[in-house]
PDB file of N, CA and C in Angstrom:
ATOM      1  N   MET A   1      45.829 159.384 108.047  1.00  0.00           N
ATOM      2  CA  MET A   1      46.236 159.123 106.681  1.00  0.00           C
ATOM      3  C   MET A   1      45.507 157.900 106.116  1.00  0.00           C
ATOM      4  N   THR A   2      44.703 157.253 106.922  1.00  0.00           N
ATOM      5  CA  THR A   2      43.935 156.124 106.410  1.00  0.00           C
ATOM      6  C   THR A   2      42.669 156.570 105.688  1.00  0.00           C
ATOM      7  N   LEU A   3      42.296 157.846 105.817  1.00  0.00           N
ATOM      8  CA  LEU A   3      41.135 158.361 105.102  1.00  0.00           C
ATOM      9  C   LEU A   3      41.489 158.597 103.635  1.00  0.00           C
ATOM     10  N   PRO A   4      40.554 158.364 102.733  1.00  0.00           N
ATOM     11  CA  PRO A   4      40.828 158.588 101.306  1.00  0.00           C
ATOM     12  C   PRO A   4      41.221 160.045 101.039  1.00  0.00           C
ATOM     13  N   GLY A   5      42.292 160.228 100.279  1.00  0.00           N
ATOM     14  CA  GLY A   5      42.722 161.566  99.892  1.00  0.00           C
ATOM     15  C   GLY A   5      43.526 162.312 100.929  1.00  0.00           C
ATOM     16  N   VAL A   6      43.747 161.719 102.089  1.00  0.00           N
ATOM     17  CA  VAL A   6      44.514 162.377 103.142  1.00  0.00           C
ATOM     18  C   VAL A   6      45.913 161.789 103.178  1.00  0.00           C
ATOM     19  N   GLY A   7      46.875 162.625 102.813  1.00  0.00           N
ATOM     20  CA  GLY A   7      48.267 162.206 102.842  1.00  0.00           C
ATOM     21  C   GLY A   7      48.983 162.819 104.029  1.00  0.00           C
ATOM     22  N   ARG A   8      50.267 162.685 104.031  1.00  0.00           N
ATOM     23  CA  ARG A   8      51.087 163.149 105.147  1.00  0.00           C
ATOM     24  C   ARG A   8      50.962 164.657 105.359  1.00  0.00           C
ATOM     25  N   LYS A   9      50.989 165.439 104.283  1.00  0.00           N
ATOM     26  CA  LYS A   9      50.898 166.893 104.418  1.00  0.00           C
ATOM     27  C   LYS A   9      49.583 167.294 105.078  1.00  0.00           C
ATOM     28  N   THR A  10      48.477 166.793 104.584  1.00  0.00           N
ATOM     29  CA  THR A  10      47.175 167.135 105.157  1.00  0.00           C
ATOM     30  C   THR A  10      47.070 166.667 106.602  1.00  0.00           C
ATOM     31  N   ALA A  11      47.558 165.489 106.876  1.00  0.00           N
ATOM     32  CA  ALA A  11      47.529 164.973 108.250  1.00  0.00           C
ATOM     33  C   ALA A  11      48.320 165.883 109.184  1.00  0.00           C
ATOM     34  N   ASN A  12      49.474 166.354 108.739  1.00  0.00           N
ATOM     35  CA  ASN A  12      50.284 167.247 109.578  1.00  0.00           C
ATOM     36  C   ASN A  12      49.612 168.604 109.770  1.00  0.00           C
ATOM     37  N   VAL A  13      48.917 169.092 108.753  1.00  0.00           N
ATOM     38  CA  VAL A  13      48.176 170.354 108.882  1.00  0.00           C
ATOM     39  C   VAL A  13      47.092 170.196 109.939  1.00  0.00           C
ATOM     40  N   VAL A  14      46.362 169.093 109.898  1.00  0.00           N
ATOM     41  CA  VAL A  14      45.300 168.847 110.885  1.00  0.00           C
ATOM     42  C   VAL A  14      45.897 168.713 112.287  1.00  0.00           C
ATOM     43  N   LEU A  15      46.976 167.968 112.422  1.00  0.00           N
ATOM     44  CA  LEU A  15      47.616 167.833 113.737  1.00  0.00           C
ATOM     45  C   LEU A  15      47.995 169.188 114.310  1.00  0.00           C
ATOM     46  N   ALA A  16      48.637 170.010 113.498  1.00  0.00           N
ATOM     47  CA  ALA A  16      49.148 171.293 113.984  1.00  0.00           C
ATOM     48  C   ALA A  16      48.044 172.317 114.211  1.00  0.00           C
ATOM     49  N   ASN A  17      47.113 172.426 113.279  1.00  0.00           N
ATOM     50  CA  ASN A  17      46.136 173.515 113.344  1.00  0.00           C
ATOM     51  C   ASN A  17      44.850 173.164 114.068  1.00  0.00           C
ATOM     52  N   VAL A  18      44.484 171.918 114.113  1.00  0.00           N
ATOM     53  CA  VAL A  18      43.243 171.520 114.790  1.00  0.00           C
ATOM     54  C   VAL A  18      43.534 170.998 116.188  1.00  0.00           C
ATOM     55  N   HIS A  19      44.589 170.204 116.306  1.00  0.00           N
ATOM     56  CA  HIS A  19      44.875 169.547 117.578  1.00  0.00           C
ATOM     57  C   HIS A  19      46.040 170.154 118.356  1.00  0.00           C
ATOM     58  N   ALA A  20      46.646 171.213 117.826  1.00  0.00           N
ATOM     59  CA  ALA A  20      47.781 171.890 118.475  1.00  0.00           C
ATOM     60  C   ALA A  20      48.914 170.929 118.807  1.00  0.00           C
ATOM     61  N   ILE A  21      49.153 169.974 117.914  1.00  0.00           N
ATOM     62  CA  ILE A  21      50.273 169.048 118.036  1.00  0.00           C
ATOM     63  C   ILE A  21      51.341 169.509 117.060  1.00  0.00           C
ATOM     64  N   GLU A  22      52.548 169.713 117.540  1.00  0.00           N
ATOM     65  CA  GLU A  22      53.624 170.212 116.683  1.00  0.00           C
ATOM     66  C   GLU A  22      53.872 169.254 115.518  1.00  0.00           C
ATOM     67  N   ALA A  23      53.833 169.798 114.315  1.00  0.00           N
ATOM     68  CA  ALA A  23      54.086 169.039 113.097  1.00  0.00           C
ATOM     69  C   ALA A  23      54.515 170.023 112.016  1.00  0.00           C
ATOM     70  N   ILE A  24      55.204 169.505 111.018  1.00  0.00           N
ATOM     71  CA  ILE A  24      55.610 170.318 109.874  1.00  0.00           C
ATOM     72  C   ILE A  24      54.990 169.705 108.627  1.00  0.00           C
ATOM     73  N   ALA A  25      54.125 170.449 107.994  1.00  0.00           N
ATOM     74  CA  ALA A  25      53.537 170.006 106.729  1.00  0.00           C
ATOM     75  C   ALA A  25      54.370 170.604 105.600  1.00  0.00           C
ATOM     76  N   VAL A  26      54.895 169.771 104.756  1.00  0.00           N
ATOM     77  CA  VAL A  26      55.762 170.242 103.681  1.00  0.00           C
ATOM     78  C   VAL A  26      54.957 170.365 102.390  1.00  0.00           C
ATOM     79  N   ASP A  27      54.594 171.609 102.078  1.00  0.00           N
ATOM     80  CA  ASP A  27      53.938 171.905 100.812  1.00  0.00           C
ATOM     81  C   ASP A  27      54.994 172.461  99.862  1.00  0.00           C
ATOM     82  N   THR A  28      54.564 172.957  98.717  1.00  0.00           N
ATOM     83  CA  THR A  28      55.515 173.451  97.723  1.00  0.00           C
ATOM     84  C   THR A  28      56.358 174.613  98.253  1.00  0.00           C
ATOM     85  N   HIS A  29      55.760 175.501  99.059  1.00  0.00           N
ATOM     86  CA  HIS A  29      56.499 176.649  99.595  1.00  0.00           C
ATOM     87  C   HIS A  29      57.524 176.199 100.631  1.00  0.00           C
ATOM     88  N   VAL A  30      57.109 175.366 101.549  1.00  0.00           N
ATOM     89  CA  VAL A  30      58.017 174.871 102.588  1.00  0.00           C
ATOM     90  C   VAL A  30      59.169 174.112 101.946  1.00  0.00           C
ATOM     91  N   PHE A  31      58.871 173.295 100.962  1.00  0.00           N
ATOM     92  CA  PHE A  31      59.894 172.519 100.264  1.00  0.00           C
ATOM     93  C   PHE A  31      60.916 173.446  99.604  1.00  0.00           C
ATOM     94  N   ARG A  32      60.420 174.410  98.824  1.00  0.00           N
ATOM     95  CA  ARG A  32      61.303 175.322  98.088  1.00  0.00           C
ATOM     96  C   ARG A  32      62.133 176.199  99.014  1.00  0.00           C
ATOM     97  N   VAL A  33      61.493 176.870  99.962  1.00  0.00           N
ATOM     98  CA  VAL A  33      62.198 177.825 100.827  1.00  0.00           C
ATOM     99  C   VAL A  33      63.194 177.106 101.734  1.00  0.00           C
ATOM    100  N   SER A  34      62.824 175.963 102.268  1.00  0.00           N
ATOM    101  CA  SER A  34      63.738 175.201 103.132  1.00  0.00           C
ATOM    102  C   SER A  34      65.009 174.820 102.394  1.00  0.00           C
ATOM    103  N   ARG A  35      64.840 174.385 101.156  1.00  0.00           N
ATOM    104  CA  ARG A  35      66.000 173.984 100.365  1.00  0.00           C
ATOM    105  C   ARG A  35      66.823 175.186  99.936  1.00  0.00           C
ATOM    106  N   ARG A  36      66.175 176.279  99.545  1.00  0.00           N
ATOM    107  CA  ARG A  36      66.928 177.472  99.144  1.00  0.00           C
ATOM    108  C   ARG A  36      67.735 178.026 100.307  1.00  0.00           C
ATOM    109  N   LEU A  37      67.135 178.067 101.486  1.00  0.00           N
ATOM    110  CA  LEU A  37      67.849 178.609 102.647  1.00  0.00           C
ATOM    111  C   LEU A  37      68.927 177.657 103.161  1.00  0.00           C
ATOM    112  N   GLY A  38      68.854 176.403 102.760  1.00  0.00           N
ATOM    113  CA  GLY A  38      69.816 175.415 103.254  1.00  0.00           C
ATOM    114  C   GLY A  38      69.387 174.781 104.558  1.00  0.00           C
ATOM    115  N   LEU A  39      68.130 174.958 104.944  1.00  0.00           N
ATOM    116  CA  LEU A  39      67.610 174.308 106.149  1.00  0.00           C
ATOM    117  C   LEU A  39      67.427 172.816 105.924  1.00  0.00           C
ATOM    118  N   ALA A  40      67.225 172.447 104.675  1.00  0.00           N
ATOM    119  CA  ALA A  40      67.057 171.044 104.298  1.00  0.00           C
ATOM    120  C   ALA A  40      67.623 170.862 102.899  1.00  0.00           C
ATOM    121  N   HIS A  41      67.989 169.637 102.588  1.00  0.00           N
ATOM    122  CA  HIS A  41      68.566 169.340 101.280  1.00  0.00           C
ATOM    123  C   HIS A  41      67.876 168.166 100.594  1.00  0.00           C
ATOM    124  N   GLY A  42      66.910 167.563 101.256  1.00  0.00           N
ATOM    125  CA  GLY A  42      66.236 166.382 100.729  1.00  0.00           C
ATOM    126  C   GLY A  42      65.541 166.637  99.407  1.00  0.00           C
ATOM    127  N   ASN A  43      65.350 165.547  98.658  1.00  0.00           N
ATOM    128  CA  ASN A  43      64.706 165.634  97.354  1.00  0.00           C
ATOM    129  C   ASN A  43      63.240 165.229  97.382  1.00  0.00           C
ATOM    130  N   THR A  44      62.725 164.915  98.563  1.00  0.00           N
ATOM    131  CA  THR A  44      61.318 164.562  98.699  1.00  0.00           C
ATOM    132  C   THR A  44      60.724 165.351  99.863  1.00  0.00           C
ATOM    133  N   PRO A  45      59.416 165.585  99.828  1.00  0.00           N
ATOM    134  CA  PRO A  45      58.795 166.271 100.958  1.00  0.00           C
ATOM    135  C   PRO A  45      59.023 165.541 102.287  1.00  0.00           C
ATOM    136  N   ARG A  46      58.975 164.240 102.270  1.00  0.00           N
ATOM    137  CA  ARG A  46      59.186 163.461 103.500  1.00  0.00           C
ATOM    138  C   ARG A  46      60.588 163.700 104.063  1.00  0.00           C
ATOM    139  N   ARG A  47      61.579 163.688 103.192  1.00  0.00           N
ATOM    140  CA  ARG A  47      62.964 163.898 103.648  1.00  0.00           C
ATOM    141  C   ARG A  47      63.140 165.325 104.153  1.00  0.00           C
ATOM    142  N   VAL A  48      62.556 166.315 103.499  1.00  0.00           N
ATOM    143  CA  VAL A  48      62.637 167.708 103.963  1.00  0.00           C
ATOM    144  C   VAL A  48      61.960 167.824 105.322  1.00  0.00           C
ATOM    145  N   GLU A  49      60.818 167.189 105.488  1.00  0.00           N
ATOM    146  CA  GLU A  49      60.139 167.191 106.793  1.00  0.00           C
ATOM    147  C   GLU A  49      61.062 166.635 107.881  1.00  0.00           C
ATOM    148  N   GLU A  50      61.690 165.518 107.619  1.00  0.00           N
ATOM    149  CA  GLU A  50      62.592 164.894 108.593  1.00  0.00           C
ATOM    150  C   GLU A  50      63.771 165.813 108.922  1.00  0.00           C
ATOM    151  N   GLU A  51      64.350 166.434 107.905  1.00  0.00           N
ATOM    152  CA  GLU A  51      65.488 167.322 108.123  1.00  0.00           C
ATOM    153  C   GLU A  51      65.087 168.554 108.937  1.00  0.00           C
ATOM    154  N   LEU A  52      63.916 169.111 108.642  1.00  0.00           N
ATOM    155  CA  LEU A  52      63.443 170.266 109.410  1.00  0.00           C
ATOM    156  C   LEU A  52      63.163 169.878 110.855  1.00  0.00           C
ATOM    157  N   MET A  53      62.593 168.706 111.073  1.00  0.00           N
ATOM    158  CA  MET A  53      62.324 168.257 112.442  1.00  0.00           C
ATOM    159  C   MET A  53      63.632 168.056 113.212  1.00  0.00           C
ATOM    160  N   ASP A  54      64.674 167.616 112.523  1.00  0.00           N
ATOM    161  CA  ASP A  54      65.976 167.455 113.173  1.00  0.00           C
ATOM    162  C   ASP A  54      66.640 168.806 113.457  1.00  0.00           C
ATOM    163  N   ALA A  55      66.415 169.779 112.581  1.00  0.00           N
ATOM    164  CA  ALA A  55      67.099 171.071 112.680  1.00  0.00           C
ATOM    165  C   ALA A  55      66.427 172.055 113.632  1.00  0.00           C
ATOM    166  N   LEU A  56      65.130 171.899 113.849  1.00  0.00           N
ATOM    167  CA  LEU A  56      64.368 172.879 114.629  1.00  0.00           C
ATOM    168  C   LEU A  56      63.879 172.304 115.948  1.00  0.00           C
ATOM    169  N   PRO A  57      63.763 173.153 116.966  1.00  0.00           N
ATOM    170  CA  PRO A  57      63.161 172.680 118.212  1.00  0.00           C
ATOM    171  C   PRO A  57      61.695 172.312 117.966  1.00  0.00           C
ATOM    172  N   GLU A  58      61.240 171.228 118.560  1.00  0.00           N
ATOM    173  CA  GLU A  58      59.886 170.746 118.320  1.00  0.00           C
ATOM    174  C   GLU A  58      58.822 171.813 118.573  1.00  0.00           C
ATOM    175  N   GLY A  59      59.033 172.655 119.542  1.00  0.00           N
ATOM    176  CA  GLY A  59      58.066 173.698 119.853  1.00  0.00           C
ATOM    177  C   GLY A  59      57.933 174.758 118.778  1.00  0.00           C
ATOM    178  N   GLN A  60      58.766 174.720 117.737  1.00  0.00           N
ATOM    179  CA  GLN A  60      58.729 175.700 116.650  1.00  0.00           C
ATOM    180  C   GLN A  60      58.277 175.120 115.309  1.00  0.00           C
ATOM    181  N   TRP A  61      57.938 173.838 115.283  1.00  0.00           N
ATOM    182  CA  TRP A  61      57.623 173.205 114.002  1.00  0.00           C
ATOM    183  C   TRP A  61      56.435 173.855 113.302  1.00  0.00           C
ATOM    184  N   ALA A  62      55.304 173.954 113.967  1.00  0.00           N
ATOM    185  CA  ALA A  62      54.095 174.497 113.326  1.00  0.00           C
ATOM    186  C   ALA A  62      54.283 175.966 112.949  1.00  0.00           C
ATOM    187  N   ALA A  63      54.871 176.735 113.831  1.00  0.00           N
ATOM    188  CA  ALA A  63      55.089 178.161 113.550  1.00  0.00           C
ATOM    189  C   ALA A  63      56.046 178.339 112.375  1.00  0.00           C
ATOM    190  N   THR A  64      57.085 177.528 112.316  1.00  0.00           N
ATOM    191  CA  THR A  64      58.039 177.614 111.208  1.00  0.00           C
ATOM    192  C   THR A  64      57.370 177.241 109.900  1.00  0.00           C
ATOM    193  N   HIS A  65      56.516 176.241 109.936  1.00  0.00           N
ATOM    194  CA  HIS A  65      55.743 175.856 108.749  1.00  0.00           C
ATOM    195  C   HIS A  65      54.996 177.070 108.190  1.00  0.00           C
ATOM    196  N   HIS A  66      54.308 177.806 109.053  1.00  0.00           N
ATOM    197  CA  HIS A  66      53.551 178.981 108.615  1.00  0.00           C
ATOM    198  C   HIS A  66      54.478 180.102 108.131  1.00  0.00           C
ATOM    199  N   ARG A  67      55.596 180.294 108.791  1.00  0.00           N
ATOM    200  CA  ARG A  67      56.539 181.336 108.369  1.00  0.00           C
ATOM    201  C   ARG A  67      57.146 181.027 107.003  1.00  0.00           C
ATOM    202  N   LEU A  68      57.488 179.769 106.778  1.00  0.00           N
ATOM    203  CA  LEU A  68      58.071 179.386 105.494  1.00  0.00           C
ATOM    204  C   LEU A  68      57.059 179.555 104.365  1.00  0.00           C
ATOM    205  N   ILE A  69      55.801 179.228 104.622  1.00  0.00           N
ATOM    206  CA  ILE A  69      54.758 179.424 103.611  1.00  0.00           C
ATOM    207  C   ILE A  69      54.615 180.912 103.294  1.00  0.00           C
ATOM    208  N   ALA A  70      54.514 181.731 104.321  1.00  0.00           N
ATOM    209  CA  ALA A  70      54.351 183.178 104.111  1.00  0.00           C
ATOM    210  C   ALA A  70      55.539 183.750 103.343  1.00  0.00           C
ATOM    211  N   HIS A  71      56.744 183.336 103.709  1.00  0.00           N
ATOM    212  CA  HIS A  71      57.942 183.827 103.031  1.00  0.00           C
ATOM    213  C   HIS A  71      57.959 183.373 101.566  1.00  0.00           C
ATOM    214  N   GLY A  72      57.568 182.141 101.326  1.00  0.00           N
ATOM    215  CA  GLY A  72      57.526 181.628  99.961  1.00  0.00           C
ATOM    216  C   GLY A  72      56.505 182.325  99.091  1.00  0.00           C
ATOM    217  N   ARG A  73      55.379 182.688  99.668  1.00  0.00           N
ATOM    218  CA  ARG A  73      54.340 183.387  98.901  1.00  0.00           C
ATOM    219  C   ARG A  73      54.704 184.838  98.628  1.00  0.00           C
ATOM    220  N   ALA A  74      55.308 185.495  99.609  1.00  0.00           N
ATOM    221  CA  ALA A  74      55.552 186.935  99.505  1.00  0.00           C
ATOM    222  C   ALA A  74      56.889 187.283  98.854  1.00  0.00           C
ATOM    223  N   ILE A  75      57.943 186.540  99.165  1.00  0.00           N
ATOM    224  CA  ILE A  75      59.289 186.943  98.744  1.00  0.00           C
ATOM    225  C   ILE A  75      60.022 185.854  97.960  1.00  0.00           C
ATOM    226  N   CYS A  76      60.087 184.669  98.490  1.00  0.00           N
ATOM    227  CA  CYS A  76      60.881 183.597  97.880  1.00  0.00           C
ATOM    228  C   CYS A  76      60.019 182.823  96.886  1.00  0.00           C
ATOM    229  N   LYS A  77      59.569 183.535  95.863  1.00  0.00           N
ATOM    230  CA  LYS A  77      58.667 182.973  94.871  1.00  0.00           C
ATOM    231  C   LYS A  77      59.396 181.965  93.989  1.00  0.00           C
ATOM    232  N   ALA A  78      58.651 181.034  93.457  1.00  0.00           N
ATOM    233  CA  ALA A  78      59.248 179.933  92.699  1.00  0.00           C
ATOM    234  C   ALA A  78      60.043 180.413  91.488  1.00  0.00           C
ATOM    235  N   ARG A  79      59.429 181.189  90.635  1.00  0.00           N
ATOM    236  CA  ARG A  79      60.097 181.576  89.393  1.00  0.00           C
ATOM    237  C   ARG A  79      60.960 182.814  89.532  1.00  0.00           C
ATOM    238  N   THR A  80      60.494 183.773  90.306  1.00  0.00           N
ATOM    239  CA  THR A  80      61.215 185.030  90.429  1.00  0.00           C
ATOM    240  C   THR A  80      61.307 185.447  91.884  1.00  0.00           C
ATOM    241  N   PRO A  81      62.257 184.879  92.624  1.00  0.00           N
ATOM    242  CA  PRO A  81      62.388 185.279  94.024  1.00  0.00           C
ATOM    243  C   PRO A  81      62.792 186.750  94.134  1.00  0.00           C
ATOM    244  N   LEU A  82      62.233 187.422  95.103  1.00  0.00           N
ATOM    245  CA  LEU A  82      62.499 188.850  95.301  1.00  0.00           C
ATOM    246  C   LEU A  82      63.650 189.012  96.296  1.00  0.00           C
ATOM    247  N   CYS A  83      64.823 188.572  95.890  1.00  0.00           N
ATOM    248  CA  CYS A  83      65.990 188.568  96.773  1.00  0.00           C
ATOM    249  C   CYS A  83      66.348 189.971  97.269  1.00  0.00           C
ATOM    250  N   GLY A  84      66.097 190.983  96.473  1.00  0.00           N
ATOM    251  CA  GLY A  84      66.387 192.354  96.878  1.00  0.00           C
ATOM    252  C   GLY A  84      65.550 192.819  98.058  1.00  0.00           C
ATOM    253  N   GLN A  85      64.435 192.161  98.303  1.00  0.00           N
ATOM    254  CA  GLN A  85      63.564 192.501  99.422  1.00  0.00           C
ATOM    255  C   GLN A  85      63.708 191.524 100.590  1.00  0.00           C
ATOM    256  N   CYS A  86      64.529 190.526 100.443  1.00  0.00           N
ATOM    257  CA  CYS A  86      64.607 189.444 101.424  1.00  0.00           C
ATOM    258  C   CYS A  86      65.560 189.766 102.577  1.00  0.00           C
ATOM    259  N   PRO A  87      65.055 189.648 103.816  1.00  0.00           N
ATOM    260  CA  PRO A  87      65.920 189.883 104.974  1.00  0.00           C
ATOM    261  C   PRO A  87      66.808 188.684 105.322  1.00  0.00           C
ATOM    262  N   LEU A  88      66.685 187.594 104.564  1.00  0.00           N
ATOM    263  CA  LEU A  88      67.410 186.366 104.893  1.00  0.00           C
ATOM    264  C   LEU A  88      68.572 186.063 103.948  1.00  0.00           C
ATOM    265  N   THR A  89      68.916 186.990 103.066  1.00  0.00           N
ATOM    266  CA  THR A  89      69.934 186.684 102.057  1.00  0.00           C
ATOM    267  C   THR A  89      71.285 186.308 102.664  1.00  0.00           C
ATOM    268  N   ARG A  90      71.627 186.874 103.802  1.00  0.00           N
ATOM    269  CA  ARG A  90      72.945 186.540 104.374  1.00  0.00           C
ATOM    270  C   ARG A  90      73.040 185.085 104.820  1.00  0.00           C
ATOM    271  N   TRP A  91      71.889 184.421 104.986  1.00  0.00           N
ATOM    272  CA  TRP A  91      71.873 183.013 105.394  1.00  0.00           C
ATOM    273  C   TRP A  91      71.405 182.095 104.279  1.00  0.00           C
ATOM    274  N   CYS A  92      71.133 182.643 103.111  1.00  0.00           N
ATOM    275  CA  CYS A  92      70.484 181.881 102.040  1.00  0.00           C
ATOM    276  C   CYS A  92      71.504 181.246 101.105  1.00  0.00           C
ATOM    277  N   ASP A  93      71.513 179.924 101.050  1.00  0.00           N
ATOM    278  CA  ASP A  93      72.401 179.197 100.144  1.00  0.00           C
ATOM    279  C   ASP A  93      72.115 179.547  98.691  1.00  0.00           C
ATOM    280  N   TRP A  94      70.832 179.610  98.321  1.00  0.00           N
ATOM    281  CA  TRP A  94      70.454 179.880  96.938  1.00  0.00           C
ATOM    282  C   TRP A  94      70.929 181.261  96.504  1.00  0.00           C
ATOM    283  N   TYR A  95      70.761 182.244  97.363  1.00  0.00           N
ATOM    284  CA  TYR A  95      71.216 183.602  97.056  1.00  0.00           C
ATOM    285  C   TYR A  95      72.732 183.622  96.843  1.00  0.00           C
ATOM    286  N   ALA A  96      73.457 182.970  97.724  1.00  0.00           N
ATOM    287  CA  ALA A  96      74.920 182.950  97.629  1.00  0.00           C
ATOM    288  C   ALA A  96      75.388 182.298  96.324  1.00  0.00           C
ATOM    289  N   GLU A  97      74.665 181.286  95.862  1.00  0.00           N
ATOM    290  CA  GLU A  97      75.069 180.554  94.654  1.00  0.00           C
ATOM    291  C   GLU A  97      74.569 181.195  93.366  1.00  0.00           C
ATOM    292  N   ASN A  98      73.456 181.946  93.427  1.00  0.00           N
ATOM    293  CA  ASN A  98      72.819 182.416  92.204  1.00  0.00           C
ATOM    294  C   ASN A  98      72.788 183.928  92.009  1.00  0.00           C
ATOM    295  N   VAL A  99      72.956 184.695  93.075  1.00  0.00           N
ATOM    296  CA  VAL A  99      72.785 186.133  92.954  1.00  0.00           C
ATOM    297  C   VAL A  99      74.030 186.891  93.390  1.00  0.00           C
ATOM    298  N   ALA A 100      74.545 186.565  94.547  1.00  0.00           N
ATOM    299  CA  ALA A 100      75.664 187.318  95.120  1.00  0.00           C
ATOM    300  C   ALA A 100      76.924 187.214  94.286  1.00  0.00           C
TER     301      ALA A 100
END
């Protein structure tokens, strides 16, 4: 993170994908999906990262990061989530509060 333009998210991506060190990079998808599902409640990417690290086994951090991104891109979209296609609605706080 001492390099110009490299913040916490980019550093965590490099750790996980280049060096195979477990890390969670919180981008817009990870932030949104984690909060909607109730996996995290923080209002900042750093706080969401901390909450996810506390909630998940360390050996699943990088894989969960990729799963949350994929889910956010395909189903849990920012403006129009496709809740009717989502296999996670029974565990989703956002669905329970806004759709069900």
